[in-house]
Amino acid sequence: MIFPRIEHLFKVLFSRRITEDLSKTTTELFDSWKQPNIPNEQWKIVQPQLVKLKQGEYVPLFEVFCLSIKTCLDFKPTVVPSVLEIGCSSGYYGFVLSQRFPEFSYTGVDFSPEFIAFGKSKFPDLELQVQDAISLKFPSEHFGIVVSGCVLLHLDDWKLGLKESCRVAKNYVIFHRTPVTQAPTALFTKKAYGVKMFEWSFNESEFLAEVESHGLRLIDKFQINSHRFINYKSRKPQQNTYIFIK
């Protein structure tokens, strides 16, 4: 008989492992998010959440996103009414934005052509583009609010992706759904949507210092959850959303 806590530890250790050769791992798994089956698999999760949103039900991820936008407006009402979402997947947050803040224009970019094509089929009115988060094609300070949508953890060079997010923002950067712990920043492999991929977990102090090094200041943060383990040393990693002003 395996006791529940020991069984959980085995699952944690074998489902996610720290990789020793970072460059080899990121090179091998670089195109994982371009697999053609992922958009449909993600949509199976997203669509019921959008139905709940339309019915006025509480969806934590969407509520925190909207609360973050509201925080920006409350802090500085003259914010430029444009949002760029980096790592937009199918662009469903653009739909969420249109329901709560119709005065904002929305642009979504994603590394995956499959996701962008899927998004255009679901949300034909949204501006969706294929772009690389570490080399954006927009001018500096082009958008009032930049939302880094749970994408830094999937970048081989997350610091460069973070720098680009800060560069193209005029007023605010929101790092939505960012996994942080008190343990050192580390790279893991895992399976998501049936595809093997890599993922970062960030030491919170290191992450905040990196953003602040680009001249931004933290004004608020919201915790989304703290129920899952990233590794056995991480205590309870949190998925936080951070709001920075430029």
Protein backbone atom coordinates (compact mmCIF):
# COMPACT_ATOMS: atom_id res chain seq x y z
CA MET A 1 0.00 0.00 0.00
CA ILE A 2 1.30 3.48 -0.93
CA PHE A 3 0.26 6.28 1.42
CA PRO A 4 -1.46 9.22 -0.36
CA ARG A 5 1.27 11.81 0.33
CA ILE A 6 4.03 9.45 -0.87
CA GLU A 7 1.99 8.57 -3.95
CA HIS A 8 1.57 12.29 -4.70
CA LEU A 9 5.31 12.87 -4.34
CA PHE A 10 6.02 10.10 -6.85
CA LYS A 11 3.61 11.70 -9.32
CA VAL A 12 5.28 15.09 -8.87
CA LEU A 13 8.81 13.77 -9.32
CA PHE A 14 8.00 11.77 -12.43
CA SER A 15 5.60 14.20 -14.13
CA ARG A 16 7.97 17.17 -13.94
CA ARG A 17 11.72 17.01 -13.69
CA ILE A 18 14.47 19.60 -13.59
CA THR A 19 16.45 19.49 -16.82
CA GLU A 20 20.22 19.70 -16.66
CA ASP A 21 21.00 20.65 -20.27
CA LEU A 22 18.81 23.73 -20.74
CA SER A 23 19.89 24.63 -24.28
CA LYS A 24 19.40 21.09 -25.56
CA THR A 25 15.97 20.83 -23.96
CA THR A 26 14.67 24.13 -25.32
CA THR A 27 16.04 23.35 -28.80
CA GLU A 28 14.42 19.90 -28.92
CA LEU A 29 11.06 21.14 -27.64
CA PHE A 30 11.08 24.58 -29.28
CA ASP A 31 8.12 23.90 -31.60
CA SER A 32 5.97 21.98 -29.13
CA TRP A 33 3.25 24.65 -29.07
CA LYS A 34 2.96 24.49 -32.87
CA GLN A 35 1.47 21.00 -32.80
CA PRO A 36 -1.80 21.16 -34.79
CA ASN A 37 -3.91 19.34 -32.20
CA ILE A 38 -3.27 21.79 -29.34
CA PRO A 39 -5.73 24.57 -30.31
CA ASN A 40 -8.65 22.14 -30.40
CA GLU A 41 -7.60 20.52 -27.13
CA GLN A 42 -7.32 23.89 -25.41
CA TRP A 43 -10.68 24.98 -26.82
CA LYS A 44 -12.35 22.10 -24.99
CA ILE A 45 -11.31 23.86 -21.77
CA VAL A 46 -11.82 27.45 -22.90
CA GLN A 47 -15.26 27.17 -24.49
CA PRO A 48 -17.10 26.17 -21.27
CA GLN A 49 -15.36 29.06 -19.50
CA LEU A 50 -16.59 31.51 -22.15
CA VAL A 51 -20.11 30.12 -21.78
CA LYS A 52 -19.92 30.80 -18.04
CA LEU A 53 -18.69 34.32 -18.75
CA LYS A 54 -21.66 34.99 -21.05
CA GLN A 55 -24.01 33.71 -18.36
CA GLY A 56 -22.51 36.04 -15.78
CA GLU A 57 -20.82 33.28 -13.78
CA TYR A 58 -17.49 33.70 -12.00
CA VAL A 59 -14.43 32.50 -13.93
CA PRO A 60 -11.28 33.15 -11.83
CA LEU A 61 -8.81 33.63 -14.69
CA PHE A 62 -11.09 36.08 -16.49
CA GLU A 63 -12.01 37.95 -13.33
CA VAL A 64 -8.37 38.52 -12.41
CA PHE A 65 -7.65 39.66 -15.97
CA CYS A 66 -10.52 42.17 -15.87
CA LEU A 67 -9.59 43.30 -12.37
CA SER A 68 -6.08 43.99 -13.64
CA ILE A 69 -7.37 46.17 -16.49
CA LYS A 70 -9.65 48.01 -14.03
CA THR A 71 -6.67 48.56 -11.70
CA CYS A 72 -4.81 50.24 -14.55
CA LEU A 73 -7.76 52.52 -15.27
CA ASP A 74 -8.24 53.39 -11.61
CA PHE A 75 -4.56 54.14 -11.15
CA LYS A 76 -4.25 56.25 -14.30
CA PRO A 77 -7.53 56.97 -16.13
CA THR A 78 -5.70 58.51 -19.09
CA VAL A 79 -4.18 55.18 -20.16
CA VAL A 80 -4.05 54.68 -23.94
CA PRO A 81 -7.07 52.41 -24.71
CA SER A 82 -5.21 49.67 -26.56
CA VAL A 83 -4.21 46.19 -25.38
CA LEU A 84 -1.61 43.85 -26.82
CA GLU A 85 -1.74 40.27 -25.60
CA ILE A 86 1.48 38.32 -26.12
CA GLY A 87 0.93 34.58 -26.25
CA CYS A 88 -2.76 34.99 -27.05
CA SER A 89 -3.45 31.39 -28.17
CA SER A 90 -6.79 31.67 -30.00
CA GLY A 91 -7.36 35.23 -28.76
CA TYR A 92 -10.17 34.37 -26.36
CA TYR A 93 -9.02 37.02 -23.90
CA GLY A 94 -9.76 39.52 -26.65
CA PHE A 95 -13.37 38.39 -26.46
CA VAL A 96 -13.30 38.74 -22.66
CA LEU A 97 -11.92 42.27 -23.03
CA SER A 98 -14.67 43.22 -25.49
CA GLN A 99 -17.34 42.14 -23.00
CA ARG A 100 -16.01 44.21 -20.11
CA PHE A 101 -14.02 47.03 -21.74
CA PRO A 102 -15.40 47.62 -25.23
CA GLU A 103 -13.61 50.97 -25.43
CA PHE A 104 -10.27 49.14 -25.73
CA SER A 105 -8.83 47.93 -29.00
CA TYR A 106 -7.21 44.48 -28.88
CA THR A 107 -4.30 42.91 -30.73
CA GLY A 108 -3.21 39.36 -30.04
CA VAL A 109 0.04 37.72 -31.12
CA ASP A 110 1.17 34.13 -30.84
CA PHE A 111 4.14 32.07 -31.96
CA SER A 112 1.88 29.32 -33.33
CA PRO A 113 0.34 29.75 -36.82
CA GLU A 114 -2.08 26.95 -35.87
CA PHE A 115 -3.38 28.94 -32.89
CA ILE A 116 -3.77 32.13 -34.91
CA ALA A 117 -5.63 30.35 -37.72
CA PHE A 118 -7.89 28.68 -35.15
CA GLY A 119 -8.47 32.01 -33.40
CA LYS A 120 -9.44 33.74 -36.62
CA SER A 121 -12.05 31.05 -37.24
CA LYS A 122 -13.54 31.57 -33.77
CA PHE A 123 -13.13 35.33 -33.43
CA PRO A 124 -13.04 36.80 -36.96
CA ASP A 125 -13.36 40.38 -35.68
CA LEU A 126 -10.17 40.26 -33.60
CA GLU A 127 -6.76 41.44 -34.78
CA LEU A 128 -4.57 38.31 -34.45
CA GLN A 129 -1.03 37.96 -35.77
CA VAL A 130 1.74 35.37 -35.83
CA GLN A 131 4.70 36.92 -34.03
CA ASP A 132 7.59 35.82 -31.84
CA ALA A 133 7.40 37.09 -28.24
CA ILE A 134 11.17 37.66 -28.11
CA SER A 135 11.24 39.74 -31.31
CA LEU A 136 8.04 41.76 -31.66
CA LYS A 137 7.47 43.83 -34.80
CA PHE A 138 5.78 46.75 -33.05
CA PRO A 139 7.40 50.14 -32.29
CA SER A 140 8.39 50.96 -28.73
CA GLU A 141 5.57 52.21 -26.46
CA HIS A 142 2.97 51.29 -29.08
CA PHE A 143 0.25 49.93 -26.74
CA GLY A 144 -1.31 51.41 -23.63
CA ILE A 145 -1.40 48.04 -21.88
CA VAL A 146 0.64 44.98 -22.72
CA VAL A 147 -0.53 41.65 -21.34
CA SER A 148 2.03 38.87 -21.22
CA GLY A 149 -0.49 36.05 -21.14
CA CYS A 150 1.10 33.08 -19.41
CA VAL A 151 3.79 32.97 -22.08
CA LEU A 152 7.13 33.74 -20.37
CA LEU A 153 7.22 30.27 -18.83
CA HIS A 154 7.24 28.76 -22.34
CA LEU A 155 10.05 30.90 -23.82
CA ASP A 156 13.60 29.63 -24.20
CA ASP A 157 14.89 33.14 -23.39
CA TRP A 158 12.28 34.40 -20.93
CA LYS A 159 14.31 37.48 -20.00
CA LEU A 160 14.35 38.65 -23.61
CA GLY A 161 10.61 38.02 -23.86
CA LEU A 162 10.11 40.06 -20.70
CA LYS A 163 12.22 42.89 -22.12
CA GLU A 164 10.15 42.97 -25.32
CA SER A 165 6.90 43.11 -23.32
CA CYS A 166 8.23 46.15 -21.47
CA ARG A 167 9.52 47.80 -24.64
CA VAL A 168 6.24 47.91 -26.55
CA ALA A 169 4.18 49.15 -23.56
CA LYS A 170 3.46 52.83 -23.07
CA ASN A 171 1.63 52.76 -19.72
CA TYR A 172 1.33 49.27 -18.17
CA VAL A 173 2.52 45.69 -18.42
CA ILE A 174 0.41 42.91 -16.93
CA PHE A 175 2.12 39.56 -16.43
CA HIS A 176 -0.94 37.33 -16.23
CA ARG A 177 -0.85 33.83 -14.70
CA THR A 178 2.84 33.80 -13.80
CA PRO A 179 4.04 30.75 -11.79
CA VAL A 180 6.31 31.84 -8.94
CA THR A 181 7.92 30.14 -5.97
CA GLN A 182 10.53 30.92 -3.34
CA ALA A 183 12.78 28.24 -4.85
CA PRO A 184 15.38 29.11 -7.52
CA THR A 185 14.15 29.71 -11.05
CA ALA A 186 14.21 26.35 -12.82
CA LEU A 187 13.29 24.68 -16.10
CA PHE A 188 11.08 21.59 -16.25
CA THR A 189 9.69 19.25 -18.84
CA LYS A 190 6.09 18.15 -18.79
CA LYS A 191 3.25 16.98 -20.99
CA ALA A 192 0.37 19.30 -21.82
CA TYR A 193 -2.40 18.50 -24.27
CA GLY A 194 -0.55 15.24 -24.90
CA VAL A 195 2.60 17.05 -26.08
CA LYS A 196 5.96 17.14 -24.32
CA MET A 197 7.17 20.69 -23.67
CA PHE A 198 9.37 22.74 -21.37
CA GLU A 199 8.23 25.23 -18.75
CA TRP A 200 9.90 27.67 -16.37
CA SER A 201 8.98 28.28 -12.76
CA PHE A 202 10.26 31.63 -11.51
CA ASN A 203 11.77 32.69 -8.24
CA GLU A 204 9.46 35.58 -7.40
CA SER A 205 12.17 37.98 -6.22
CA GLU A 206 14.26 37.34 -9.34
CA PHE A 207 11.25 37.81 -11.60
CA LEU A 208 10.22 41.11 -9.99
CA ALA A 209 13.79 42.43 -10.06
CA GLU A 210 14.07 41.59 -13.75
CA VAL A 211 10.95 43.60 -14.60
CA GLU A 212 12.04 46.52 -12.44
CA SER A 213 15.42 46.57 -14.22
CA HIS A 214 13.53 47.84 -17.28
CA GLY A 215 12.20 50.88 -15.42
CA LEU A 216 8.79 49.54 -14.38
CA ARG A 217 7.23 49.66 -10.91
CA LEU A 218 4.93 47.08 -9.38
CA ILE A 219 1.60 48.56 -8.33
CA ASP A 220 -0.45 45.45 -7.54
CA LYS A 221 -0.65 41.68 -7.80
CA PHE A 222 -3.40 39.09 -7.58
CA GLN A 223 -3.04 35.45 -6.65
CA ILE A 224 -4.95 33.02 -8.86
CA ASN A 225 -4.14 29.72 -7.20
CA SER A 226 -1.64 27.92 -5.02
CA HIS A 227 -2.90 24.35 -5.25
CA ARG A 228 -0.33 22.58 -7.42
CA PHE A 229 3.30 21.63 -6.92
CA ILE A 230 6.05 22.46 -9.40
CA ASN A 231 8.71 20.49 -7.58
CA TYR A 232 9.29 19.06 -4.17
CA LYS A 233 11.37 22.05 -3.03
CA SER A 234 8.93 24.73 -4.12
CA ARG A 235 6.54 24.75 -1.15
CA LYS A 236 3.27 25.98 -2.66
CA PRO A 237 3.94 27.74 -5.96
CA GLN A 238 1.49 30.48 -6.77
CA GLN A 239 0.06 31.53 -10.09
CA ASN A 240 0.06 35.31 -9.81
CA THR A 241 -0.89 38.21 -12.01
CA TYR A 242 1.38 41.26 -11.66
CA ILE A 243 0.61 44.83 -12.74
CA PHE A 244 3.51 47.18 -13.50
CA ILE A 245 3.41 50.85 -14.45
CA LYS A 246 5.99 52.31 -16.78
